[in-house]
Structures are given as structure tokens and as C-alpha cells.
């Protein structure tokens, strides 16, 4: 859709690649506006593996152009035609650099839509740079009359794009899988006499694994290619980040893990089935579970059940069980305390309370009232009259040398001794 010239930037004194769009797009205001937006989005991408866009504009005759970073090493397609397939380790390194570029673009909401070896450039140092971000989307607004503009893309087109569905980041990963397949085997997996037949093969024809063409390809690498070229987008890596993790694991010899369908998109061309009605779901659940279980798995949001729907009920049940257990423990403790206390324990407890009411310090020697007098003022007389102390303490300054004739109880001796 464009001609590319090596030009010289006279202001910054540097070589640039000047991409001039073909004359068939001149005067198309809709295309030019879309091209301007896409070029502006591409200019906002800054990554070592992405060709930098310097400027875009319109020539006096109405021709649109883009000034880009000049990469002098040629394209990956030219390198592949010259040297043939790559060894698996180098092919994985190429896929990793392209995945890095896609990660940076997808994070900014930019989808390439046309990943192929012709759009992957090689620097003098051997690094890769992806170019033409957004150009395919701009071209889709105009009718492409040049036949070769379609031939260069059909071999790398994702099944959803071939069916006219919107492209997603996983569409770019599918195209990268075609590139990796070609790097390993030297050919693309789907070939036909015309681009329409090629597009239909992407949708319907089963994939021939690269290991079947070259048995020397490691099984982990073969599994990675098969995962990338899944016809259902949900079976591919969820993102460029996941693909980079898969590549790192395959380099260590581990097969790529299974994709995560929860982050995927619906199957290509498949309509969503209508959700079952509430009555049907309730009847089915009632036939297989008890009434209580049916209540915890009742349909929500128009008949659809979620695996988190019964959690609030379960939490309430757990709370009731815990509270019942705590109540039982409390009752058991009270019962145990009541059984451990006998009638003889009532007097010592009462005396301790009496001391607390009058202070924890014992009276000093020589005071107006002795220990026995203090207890008689605050406590009722003991049950046994012989064991009770006199009503009024004698004015003696010290306790009697000998105990009373009647032998007091052990509890009273301890208290009177202070």
C-alpha cells in the first residue's frame, strides 16, 4: 500500500525511511483521517523492538507520508529467503523480541493486525524491530485494488479476521505463531492458489504440527506453536506477557501450560446458548440435591449460577455453629464452677470481700481494733459459736500467746494471721 524511500532529514542530519502511500488513496478524506489517527497512535509507541515514527504529513499533491526510523538490515522475510529455516533456539529468540514489541503496543491499546516477516526489520546489530503498527487498520477503511496487497497478508491472517470479526491482541499472537512456524519449517502452514482459499484454511483446516515436517524440532517448541495457532482465541496465550512466560519455559525444556479459558473470547462463529430459566434450573437442582442445598445454589442474574453464590449462606451457617459452640462452652464452665464450690467455700469468699471493702492492708499493731474486731464488724458471725472470735478485741498490743481452748477452723487461722 506504499512505496518506501531512503531519505535524509536535513534538520536533524539523519537517515529516515519515508513511506509514501500510493496514489489510489489520494483525495480520500475518510482514509486520510483514519490514517492520521493510526499514525499518531503508532508515534506514541516507544520500545526498543518497535520502529519509531518521527512524523507524518501530506505532500502538496495530497499524498500522505510517514517519516520513520531507518533500519538498514532488511526484513526478516529476506533473511529467511536467503538462509532458510532457523534452529529452534534462534527462532524462539526472534519470537520473544516480537512478543516484547506486541506487549508494549497492546498495553497502549494498539493492535498491529498484520504481523508477518515483511513487517519485522533487522538492525545492523541483529536486533528486531516491528513496523507498520496501525497501517492495516487504516487500510481497511479503503478498498484495496492491488491484488498483491492481499497476497502478502492472507498466509498470516487469524481465523477471526478471516471471518470478518474484530481483531484482538490474541489475533496478533496467532500471526506471530505463523511466523514462528515459518521460521522453524521454512513454509507457512496454510497454502492455496488464491488468498480466499488460504483464509478458509485458517478457519477450517486442521493444523499440521511443525514437528511432523521436521522431527528434530523439540516437543516443547512444537507444543508452543500448536498453542499459538489454536483456531479458538480462548485456547491461545491470554496476552503477550503470558507468551513471554511460555517462551521462557520452553527454553528450559518445559512444555507450555494449558491456556486459561477464563480470559479468552467465545469460540469463533459460535453463538452463546440461551441461559436456562429459573424454573428449569430449580427443578434440576431439586432432583439432585436436598432442599437446603437447592436454596444455596439458586440461580442468580437471570438463571446463571456462579460458584460464589452459596458463600453468604455458608458463612451464616458457620457463624451459628461457632456461636452455639461458644455458648455450650460457657454453660459447661459455669456448671463446673458450681460443682467445684462446696458449702464450706462460702465463708472464705465472704471474708475476702470484706477485706476488699475495708482495704487490702492489714491494721497496724497497736491500733484501736485488731484483726478479729475488724472481721466482726464487716462479716456476720460464723455458724459455729465456739469458733467465733470475741465481739470486741482486747486492748492488747499483740495476739494472745496461746490459741483459744476450742480449735478454730483452718480458714479462720489463716485470715486472723493476717
Protein backbone atom coordinates (compact mmCIF):
# COMPACT_ATOMS: atom_id res chain seq x y z
CA UNK A 1 0.00 0.00 0.00
CA UNK A 2 3.03 2.30 -0.03
CA UNK A 3 6.43 2.92 -1.51
CA UNK A 4 9.38 3.30 0.86
CA UNK A 5 12.31 5.61 0.15
CA UNK A 6 15.58 6.20 1.94
CA UNK A 7 15.57 9.93 2.70
CA UNK A 8 17.74 12.40 4.53
CA UNK A 9 16.44 14.57 7.35
CA UNK A 10 18.14 17.90 6.71
CA UNK A 11 17.17 19.36 10.08
CA UNK A 12 18.44 16.56 12.34
CA UNK A 13 21.01 15.29 9.81
CA UNK A 14 19.96 11.63 9.86
CA UNK A 15 18.68 8.96 7.52
CA UNK A 16 14.95 8.19 7.68
CA UNK A 17 12.62 5.78 5.96
CA UNK A 18 9.95 7.74 4.09
CA UNK A 19 6.83 5.70 3.43
CA UNK A 20 4.67 7.34 0.76
CA UNK A 21 1.17 5.95 0.32
CA UNK A 22 0.09 5.03 -3.16
CA UNK A 23 -1.88 7.47 -5.28
CA UNK A 24 -5.09 5.44 -5.06
CA UNK A 25 -5.59 6.83 -1.55
CA UNK A 26 -5.12 10.48 -2.55
CA UNK A 27 -8.23 12.58 -2.04
CA UNK A 28 -9.94 10.05 0.24
CA UNK A 29 -10.75 12.19 3.26
CA UNK A 30 -12.09 9.29 5.34
CA UNK A 31 -8.96 7.25 4.77
CA UNK A 32 -6.65 10.15 5.43
CA UNK A 33 -8.37 10.92 8.77
CA UNK A 34 -8.11 7.32 9.84
CA UNK A 35 -4.52 7.12 8.68
CA UNK A 36 -3.71 10.26 10.68
CA UNK A 37 -5.18 8.78 13.86
CA UNK A 38 -3.37 5.48 13.45
CA UNK A 39 -0.06 7.19 12.69
CA UNK A 40 -0.46 9.33 15.78
CA UNK A 41 -1.10 6.23 17.90
CA UNK A 42 1.93 4.49 16.43
CA UNK A 43 4.08 7.54 17.11
CA UNK A 44 3.23 7.19 20.81
CA UNK A 45 4.83 3.75 20.98
CA UNK A 46 8.35 3.76 22.35
CA UNK A 47 10.13 0.43 22.68
CA UNK A 48 13.50 -0.97 21.50
CA UNK A 49 11.68 -3.56 19.36
CA UNK A 50 9.35 -1.07 17.63
CA UNK A 51 10.30 1.16 14.71
CA UNK A 52 9.97 4.75 15.87
CA UNK A 53 7.61 7.04 13.93
CA UNK A 54 9.09 10.52 13.62
CA UNK A 55 6.49 12.44 11.64
CA UNK A 56 3.55 12.16 9.31
CA UNK A 57 2.08 14.64 6.88
CA UNK A 58 0.70 15.36 3.43
CA UNK A 59 2.60 16.36 0.32
CA UNK A 60 1.43 19.32 -1.87
CA UNK A 61 -0.22 16.88 -4.28
CA UNK A 62 -2.27 15.30 -1.47
CA UNK A 63 -0.09 12.22 -0.97
CA UNK A 64 0.20 11.02 2.63
CA UNK A 65 3.57 10.05 4.03
CA UNK A 66 5.21 8.82 7.24
CA UNK A 67 8.80 9.50 8.27
CA UNK A 68 10.15 6.60 10.34
CA UNK A 69 13.33 5.28 11.86
CA UNK A 70 15.61 3.81 9.19
CA UNK A 71 16.60 0.17 9.83
CA UNK A 72 19.31 -0.89 7.42
CA UNK A 73 19.47 -4.67 7.98
CA UNK A 74 16.50 -5.62 5.78
CA UNK A 75 13.42 -7.65 6.70
CA UNK A 76 13.06 -10.98 8.42
CA UNK A 77 11.46 -12.31 5.23
CA UNK A 78 14.60 -11.50 3.23
CA UNK A 79 16.77 -13.22 5.85
CA UNK A 80 14.50 -16.28 5.78
CA UNK A 81 14.62 -16.49 1.99
CA UNK A 82 18.41 -16.24 1.99
CA UNK A 83 19.27 -18.66 4.81
CA UNK A 84 16.24 -20.90 5.19
CA UNK A 85 14.74 -22.16 8.47
CA UNK A 86 16.35 -21.34 11.81
CA UNK A 87 17.31 -23.63 14.64
CA UNK A 88 14.67 -23.69 17.40
CA UNK A 89 16.68 -21.66 19.91
CA UNK A 90 17.15 -18.76 17.48
CA UNK A 91 13.54 -18.95 16.32
CA UNK A 92 12.39 -18.65 19.93
CA UNK A 93 14.64 -15.61 20.37
CA UNK A 94 13.00 -13.97 17.34
CA UNK A 95 9.51 -14.74 18.65
CA UNK A 96 10.48 -13.34 22.04
CA UNK A 97 11.57 -9.99 20.60
CA UNK A 98 8.39 -9.68 18.55
CA UNK A 99 6.33 -10.58 21.62
CA UNK A 100 8.09 -7.79 23.53
CA UNK A 101 7.00 -5.31 20.85
CA UNK A 102 3.43 -6.62 20.92
CA UNK A 103 3.36 -6.35 24.71
CA UNK A 104 4.31 -2.65 24.54
CA UNK A 105 1.71 -1.96 21.84
CA UNK A 106 -1.12 -3.92 23.47
CA UNK A 107 -0.51 -2.12 26.76
CA UNK A 108 -1.26 1.12 24.89
CA UNK A 109 -4.34 -0.34 23.23
CA UNK A 110 -2.71 -0.63 19.78
CA UNK A 111 -3.23 -3.86 17.79
CA UNK A 112 -0.95 -4.47 14.82
CA UNK A 113 -3.32 -6.69 12.75
CA UNK A 114 -0.63 -7.53 10.17
CA UNK A 115 2.27 -9.35 11.86
CA UNK A 116 4.37 -11.03 9.18
CA UNK A 117 8.10 -11.36 8.36
CA UNK A 118 7.89 -8.43 5.94
CA UNK A 119 6.98 -6.13 8.84
CA UNK A 120 9.83 -7.31 11.08
CA UNK A 121 13.08 -5.44 10.40
CA UNK A 122 16.62 -6.36 11.42
CA UNK A 123 19.19 -3.84 12.65
CA UNK A 124 22.92 -3.98 11.97
CA UNK A 125 23.40 -5.43 15.45
CA UNK A 126 20.91 -8.23 14.80
CA UNK A 127 18.04 -6.84 16.88
CA UNK A 128 14.48 -6.94 15.60
CA UNK A 129 12.04 -4.06 15.20
CA UNK A 130 8.37 -4.34 14.28
CA UNK A 131 6.99 -1.70 11.94
CA UNK A 132 3.65 -0.57 10.44
CA UNK A 133 1.54 -0.52 13.61
CA UNK A 134 -1.97 0.60 12.74
CA UNK A 135 -1.43 0.73 8.98
CA UNK A 136 -3.60 -2.34 8.37
CA UNK A 137 -6.49 -0.79 10.28
CA UNK A 138 -6.20 2.40 8.26
CA UNK A 139 -6.15 0.42 5.03
CA UNK A 140 -9.33 -1.44 5.98
CA UNK A 141 -11.26 1.82 5.57
CA UNK A 142 -10.43 1.93 1.87
CA UNK A 143 -10.87 -0.54 -0.97
CA UNK A 144 -7.57 -2.15 -1.89
CA UNK A 145 -7.48 -2.76 -5.62
CA UNK A 146 -3.91 -4.05 -5.78
CA UNK A 147 -4.02 -7.86 -5.65
CA UNK A 148 -0.57 -8.25 -4.12
CA UNK A 149 -1.71 -6.21 -1.10
CA UNK A 150 -3.89 -9.17 -0.12
CA UNK A 151 -1.43 -11.94 -1.03
CA UNK A 152 1.15 -10.63 1.41
CA UNK A 153 -1.24 -10.96 4.38
CA UNK A 154 -3.54 -13.95 3.80
CA UNK A 155 -0.97 -16.51 4.94
CA UNK A 156 -0.70 -14.84 8.39
CA UNK A 157 -4.32 -13.87 8.94
CA UNK A 158 -6.05 -15.13 12.09
CA UNK A 159 -9.28 -17.15 11.72
CA UNK A 160 -11.39 -14.45 13.37
CA UNK A 161 -10.05 -11.83 10.99
CA UNK A 162 -10.75 -14.13 8.05
CA UNK A 163 -14.38 -14.32 9.21
CA UNK A 164 -14.64 -10.56 9.42
CA UNK A 165 -14.64 -10.41 13.22
CA UNK A 166 -12.74 -7.69 15.09
CA UNK A 167 -9.06 -8.29 15.73
CA UNK A 168 -7.84 -8.67 19.30
CA UNK A 169 -4.39 -8.96 20.89
CA UNK A 170 -4.71 -12.72 20.50
CA UNK A 171 -5.06 -12.19 16.75
CA UNK A 172 -1.55 -10.72 16.74
CA UNK A 173 -0.32 -13.73 18.73
CA UNK A 174 -1.81 -16.08 16.12
CA UNK A 175 0.02 -14.23 13.36
CA UNK A 176 3.23 -14.46 15.39
CA UNK A 177 2.61 -18.21 15.65
CA UNK A 178 2.52 -18.39 11.84
CA UNK A 179 5.83 -16.52 11.73
CA UNK A 180 7.36 -18.94 14.26
CA UNK A 181 6.05 -21.89 12.21
CA UNK A 182 7.72 -20.48 9.11
CA UNK A 183 10.98 -19.84 10.94
CA UNK A 184 11.10 -23.49 12.04
CA UNK A 185 9.96 -25.19 8.82
CA UNK A 186 10.56 -22.66 6.05
CA UNK A 187 6.90 -22.69 4.96
CA UNK A 188 3.60 -21.34 6.26
CA UNK A 189 1.08 -23.95 7.45
CA UNK A 190 -1.75 -23.00 5.06
CA UNK A 191 -1.16 -22.59 1.34
CA UNK A 192 -3.54 -22.43 -1.63
CA UNK A 193 -3.87 -20.97 -5.12
CA UNK A 194 -5.76 -17.86 -4.02
CA UNK A 195 -5.98 -15.78 -0.84
CA UNK A 196 -9.65 -16.63 -0.24
CA UNK A 197 -8.84 -20.35 -0.06
CA UNK A 198 -5.95 -19.59 2.30
CA UNK A 199 -8.27 -17.65 4.60
CA UNK A 200 -10.75 -20.51 4.68
CA UNK A 201 -8.00 -22.95 5.58
CA UNK A 202 -7.15 -20.84 8.58
CA UNK A 203 -10.74 -21.32 9.71
CA UNK A 204 -11.45 -24.95 8.84
CA UNK A 205 -8.31 -26.98 8.07
CA UNK A 206 -6.59 -28.81 10.97
CA UNK A 207 -3.05 -27.70 11.71
CA UNK A 208 -0.13 -29.87 10.72
CA UNK A 209 2.29 -29.60 13.68
CA UNK A 210 5.77 -28.39 12.69
CA UNK A 211 7.35 -31.45 14.30
CA UNK A 212 5.66 -33.60 11.66
CA UNK A 213 7.57 -31.69 8.98
CA UNK A 214 10.84 -31.66 10.93
CA UNK A 215 11.22 -34.32 13.65
CA UNK A 216 14.27 -32.54 15.07
CA UNK A 217 12.06 -29.77 16.48
CA UNK A 218 11.74 -30.27 20.26
CA UNK A 219 8.35 -31.33 21.56
CA UNK A 220 8.07 -28.26 23.82
CA UNK A 221 8.62 -25.93 20.87
CA UNK A 222 6.09 -27.89 18.82
CA UNK A 223 3.54 -27.59 21.63
CA UNK A 224 4.08 -23.82 21.83
CA UNK A 225 3.40 -23.41 18.10
CA UNK A 226 0.26 -25.53 18.34
CA UNK A 227 -0.95 -23.41 21.25
CA UNK A 228 -0.36 -20.17 19.34
CA UNK A 229 -2.18 -21.46 16.26
CA UNK A 230 -5.33 -22.61 18.03
CA UNK A 231 -8.37 -21.65 15.99
CA UNK A 232 -10.32 -20.61 19.07
CA UNK A 233 -8.74 -17.46 20.55
CA UNK A 234 -9.52 -18.72 24.07
CA UNK A 235 -7.06 -21.60 23.53
CA UNK A 236 -4.13 -19.27 22.75
CA UNK A 237 -1.98 -17.41 25.28
CA UNK A 238 -4.06 -14.78 27.03
CA UNK A 239 -1.54 -11.99 26.37
CA UNK A 240 1.93 -11.23 25.13
CA UNK A 241 3.12 -11.42 28.73
CA UNK A 242 1.83 -14.99 29.02
CA UNK A 243 3.51 -15.83 25.72
CA UNK A 244 6.84 -14.49 27.00
CA UNK A 245 6.49 -16.71 30.07
CA UNK A 246 5.74 -19.68 27.81
CA UNK A 247 8.81 -18.97 25.68
CA UNK A 248 10.98 -18.77 28.78
CA UNK A 249 9.65 -22.11 29.99
CA UNK A 250 10.11 -23.77 26.59
CA UNK A 251 13.73 -22.63 26.53
CA UNK A 252 14.20 -24.59 29.75
CA UNK A 253 12.61 -27.63 28.12
CA UNK A 254 9.19 -27.44 29.78
CA UNK A 255 6.05 -27.64 27.63
CA UNK A 256 3.81 -24.57 27.70
CA UNK A 257 0.97 -24.77 30.21
CA UNK A 258 -2.61 -25.06 29.11
CA UNK A 259 -4.31 -21.75 28.28
CA UNK A 260 -6.64 -20.05 30.75
CA UNK A 261 -10.10 -20.01 29.09
CA UNK A 262 -11.50 -17.54 31.65
CA UNK A 263 -9.54 -14.76 29.96
CA UNK A 264 -10.44 -15.84 26.45
CA UNK A 265 -13.15 -14.92 23.99
CA UNK A 266 -16.07 -17.02 22.79
CA UNK A 267 -15.48 -19.63 20.11
CA UNK A 268 -15.29 -18.33 16.57
CA UNK A 269 -18.66 -18.14 14.89
CA UNK A 270 -20.42 -19.81 17.84
CA UNK A 271 -23.47 -18.16 19.30
CA UNK A 272 -23.95 -18.06 23.03
CA UNK A 273 -26.56 -20.51 24.26
CA UNK A 274 -29.59 -19.06 25.99
CA UNK A 275 -29.40 -19.21 29.76
CA UNK A 276 -31.80 -21.73 31.35
CA UNK A 277 -34.91 -20.39 33.03
CA UNK A 278 -35.22 -20.19 36.76
CA UNK A 279 -37.84 -22.96 36.86
CA UNK A 280 -35.71 -25.37 34.84
CA UNK A 281 -32.64 -24.75 36.93
CA UNK A 282 -34.55 -25.09 40.20
CA UNK A 283 -36.14 -28.36 39.06
CA UNK A 284 -32.80 -29.80 38.00
CA UNK A 285 -31.14 -28.78 41.24
CA UNK A 286 -34.02 -30.17 43.32
CA UNK A 287 -33.72 -33.58 41.67
CA UNK A 288 -30.05 -33.88 42.61
CA UNK A 289 -29.78 -32.10 45.95
CA UNK A 290 -31.74 -31.54 49.13
CA UNK A 291 -33.98 -28.56 49.68
CA UNK A 292 -31.31 -26.80 51.73
CA UNK A 293 -28.66 -27.32 49.09
CA UNK A 294 -31.02 -26.11 46.39
CA UNK A 295 -31.51 -22.86 48.30
CA UNK A 296 -27.76 -22.27 48.43
CA UNK A 297 -27.31 -22.82 44.68
CA UNK A 298 -30.35 -20.94 43.43
CA UNK A 299 -29.92 -19.21 40.04
CA UNK A 300 -28.83 -15.60 40.07
CA UNK A 301 -28.63 -12.91 37.41
CA UNK A 302 -31.23 -14.32 35.05
CA UNK A 303 -30.73 -18.02 35.72
CA UNK A 304 -26.95 -18.17 35.60
CA UNK A 305 -25.27 -19.68 38.61
CA UNK A 306 -21.90 -18.69 39.91
CA UNK A 307 -19.56 -20.68 42.07
CA UNK A 308 -19.64 -17.90 44.68
CA UNK A 309 -23.46 -17.78 45.03
CA UNK A 310 -23.67 -20.01 48.14
CA UNK A 311 -20.87 -18.40 50.11
CA UNK A 312 -23.03 -15.97 52.20
CA UNK A 313 -25.31 -18.83 53.33
CA UNK A 314 -22.33 -20.98 54.25
CA UNK A 315 -20.80 -18.14 56.20
CA UNK A 316 -24.04 -17.64 58.18
CA UNK A 317 -24.18 -21.36 58.96
CA UNK A 318 -20.58 -21.33 60.16
CA UNK A 319 -21.31 -18.31 62.38
CA UNK A 320 -24.30 -20.03 64.01
CA UNK A 321 -22.26 -23.18 64.67
CA UNK A 322 -19.45 -21.17 66.26
CA UNK A 323 -21.84 -19.19 68.47
CA UNK A 324 -23.56 -22.40 69.62
CA UNK A 325 -20.18 -23.91 70.47
CA UNK A 326 -19.15 -20.85 72.49
CA UNK A 327 -22.47 -20.88 74.37
CA UNK A 328 -22.03 -24.57 75.21
CA UNK A 329 -18.51 -23.93 76.49
CA UNK A 330 -19.77 -21.05 78.66
CA UNK A 331 -22.53 -23.22 80.19
CA UNK A 332 -20.07 -26.03 80.81
CA UNK A 333 -17.71 -23.63 82.58
CA UNK A 334 -20.48 -22.32 84.83
CA UNK A 335 -21.57 -25.84 85.70
CA UNK A 336 -18.02 -26.86 86.51
CA UNK A 337 -17.56 -23.81 88.73
CA UNK A 338 -20.77 -24.56 90.60
CA UNK A 339 -19.77 -28.17 91.21
CA UNK A 340 -16.29 -27.23 92.42
CA UNK A 341 -17.67 -24.86 95.12
CA UNK A 342 -18.92 -26.55 98.35
CA UNK A 343 -20.78 -25.03 101.31
CA UNK A 344 -17.53 -24.57 103.19
CA UNK A 345 -16.25 -22.23 100.47
CA UNK A 346 -18.83 -19.55 101.18
CA UNK A 347 -17.16 -18.17 104.32
CA UNK A 348 -13.65 -17.62 102.85
CA UNK A 349 -15.10 -15.88 99.82
CA UNK A 350 -17.20 -13.62 102.04
CA UNK A 351 -14.20 -12.69 104.14
CA UNK A 352 -12.13 -11.78 101.12
CA UNK A 353 -14.89 -9.45 100.03
CA UNK A 354 -14.93 -7.91 103.49
CA UNK A 355 -11.21 -7.21 103.31
CA UNK A 356 -11.66 -5.64 99.92
CA UNK A 357 -14.30 -3.34 101.31
CA UNK A 358 -12.05 -2.14 104.10
CA UNK A 359 -8.77 -2.08 102.27
CA UNK A 360 -6.20 -4.77 101.39
CA UNK A 361 -3.68 -3.64 104.05
CA UNK A 362 -3.90 -5.26 107.48
CA UNK A 363 -4.29 -2.91 110.53
CA UNK A 364 -1.07 -1.79 112.14
CA UNK A 365 -0.06 -3.19 115.53
CA UNK A 366 -1.34 -1.15 118.48
CA UNK A 367 -4.39 0.17 116.64
CA UNK A 368 -7.82 0.64 118.11
CA UNK A 369 -9.15 -2.58 116.61
CA UNK A 370 -7.45 -5.92 115.99
CA UNK A 371 -7.90 -8.21 113.08
CA UNK A 372 -10.65 -10.11 114.82
CA UNK A 373 -12.51 -6.93 115.62
CA UNK A 374 -12.35 -5.81 112.01
CA UNK A 375 -13.79 -9.09 110.77
CA UNK A 376 -16.59 -8.98 113.33
CA UNK A 377 -17.67 -5.53 112.18
CA UNK A 378 -17.85 -6.41 108.48
CA UNK A 379 -18.91 -10.09 108.43
CA UNK A 380 -21.83 -11.97 110.00
CA UNK A 381 -20.94 -14.22 112.96
CA UNK A 382 -19.70 -17.68 111.98
CA UNK A 383 -22.04 -20.67 112.04
CA UNK A 384 -20.23 -22.33 114.98
CA UNK A 385 -20.36 -20.09 118.15
CA UNK A 386 -17.41 -21.80 119.79
CA UNK A 387 -15.12 -20.97 116.88
CA UNK A 388 -16.04 -17.29 116.56
CA UNK A 389 -13.72 -14.61 117.99
CA UNK A 390 -14.88 -12.34 120.82
CA UNK A 391 -17.22 -9.45 119.94
CA UNK A 392 -14.67 -6.83 120.94
CA UNK A 393 -10.92 -7.22 120.72
CA UNK A 394 -8.94 -6.71 123.93
CA UNK A 395 -6.69 -3.68 124.02
CA UNK A 396 -3.65 -5.85 123.98
CA UNK A 397 -0.94 -4.81 121.56
CA UNK A 398 -0.13 -8.37 120.49
CA UNK A 399 -2.15 -11.51 119.83
CA UNK A 400 -2.53 -14.00 122.70
CA UNK A 401 0.37 -16.29 123.27
CA UNK A 402 -1.78 -19.44 123.20
CA UNK A 403 -4.74 -20.28 120.98
CA UNK A 404 -8.28 -20.47 122.45
CA UNK A 405 -9.35 -23.72 124.04
CA UNK A 406 -11.60 -24.58 121.12
CA UNK A 407 -9.67 -25.41 118.00
CA UNK A 408 -10.65 -22.96 115.24
CA UNK A 409 -11.10 -23.89 111.61
CA UNK A 410 -8.06 -23.70 109.27
CA UNK A 411 -9.67 -20.95 107.25
CA UNK A 412 -10.05 -18.64 110.25
CA UNK A 413 -6.45 -19.15 111.39
CA UNK A 414 -5.19 -18.07 108.02
CA UNK A 415 -7.36 -14.95 107.95
CA UNK A 416 -6.64 -13.86 111.54
CA UNK A 417 -2.93 -14.35 110.99
CA UNK A 418 -3.15 -11.57 108.55
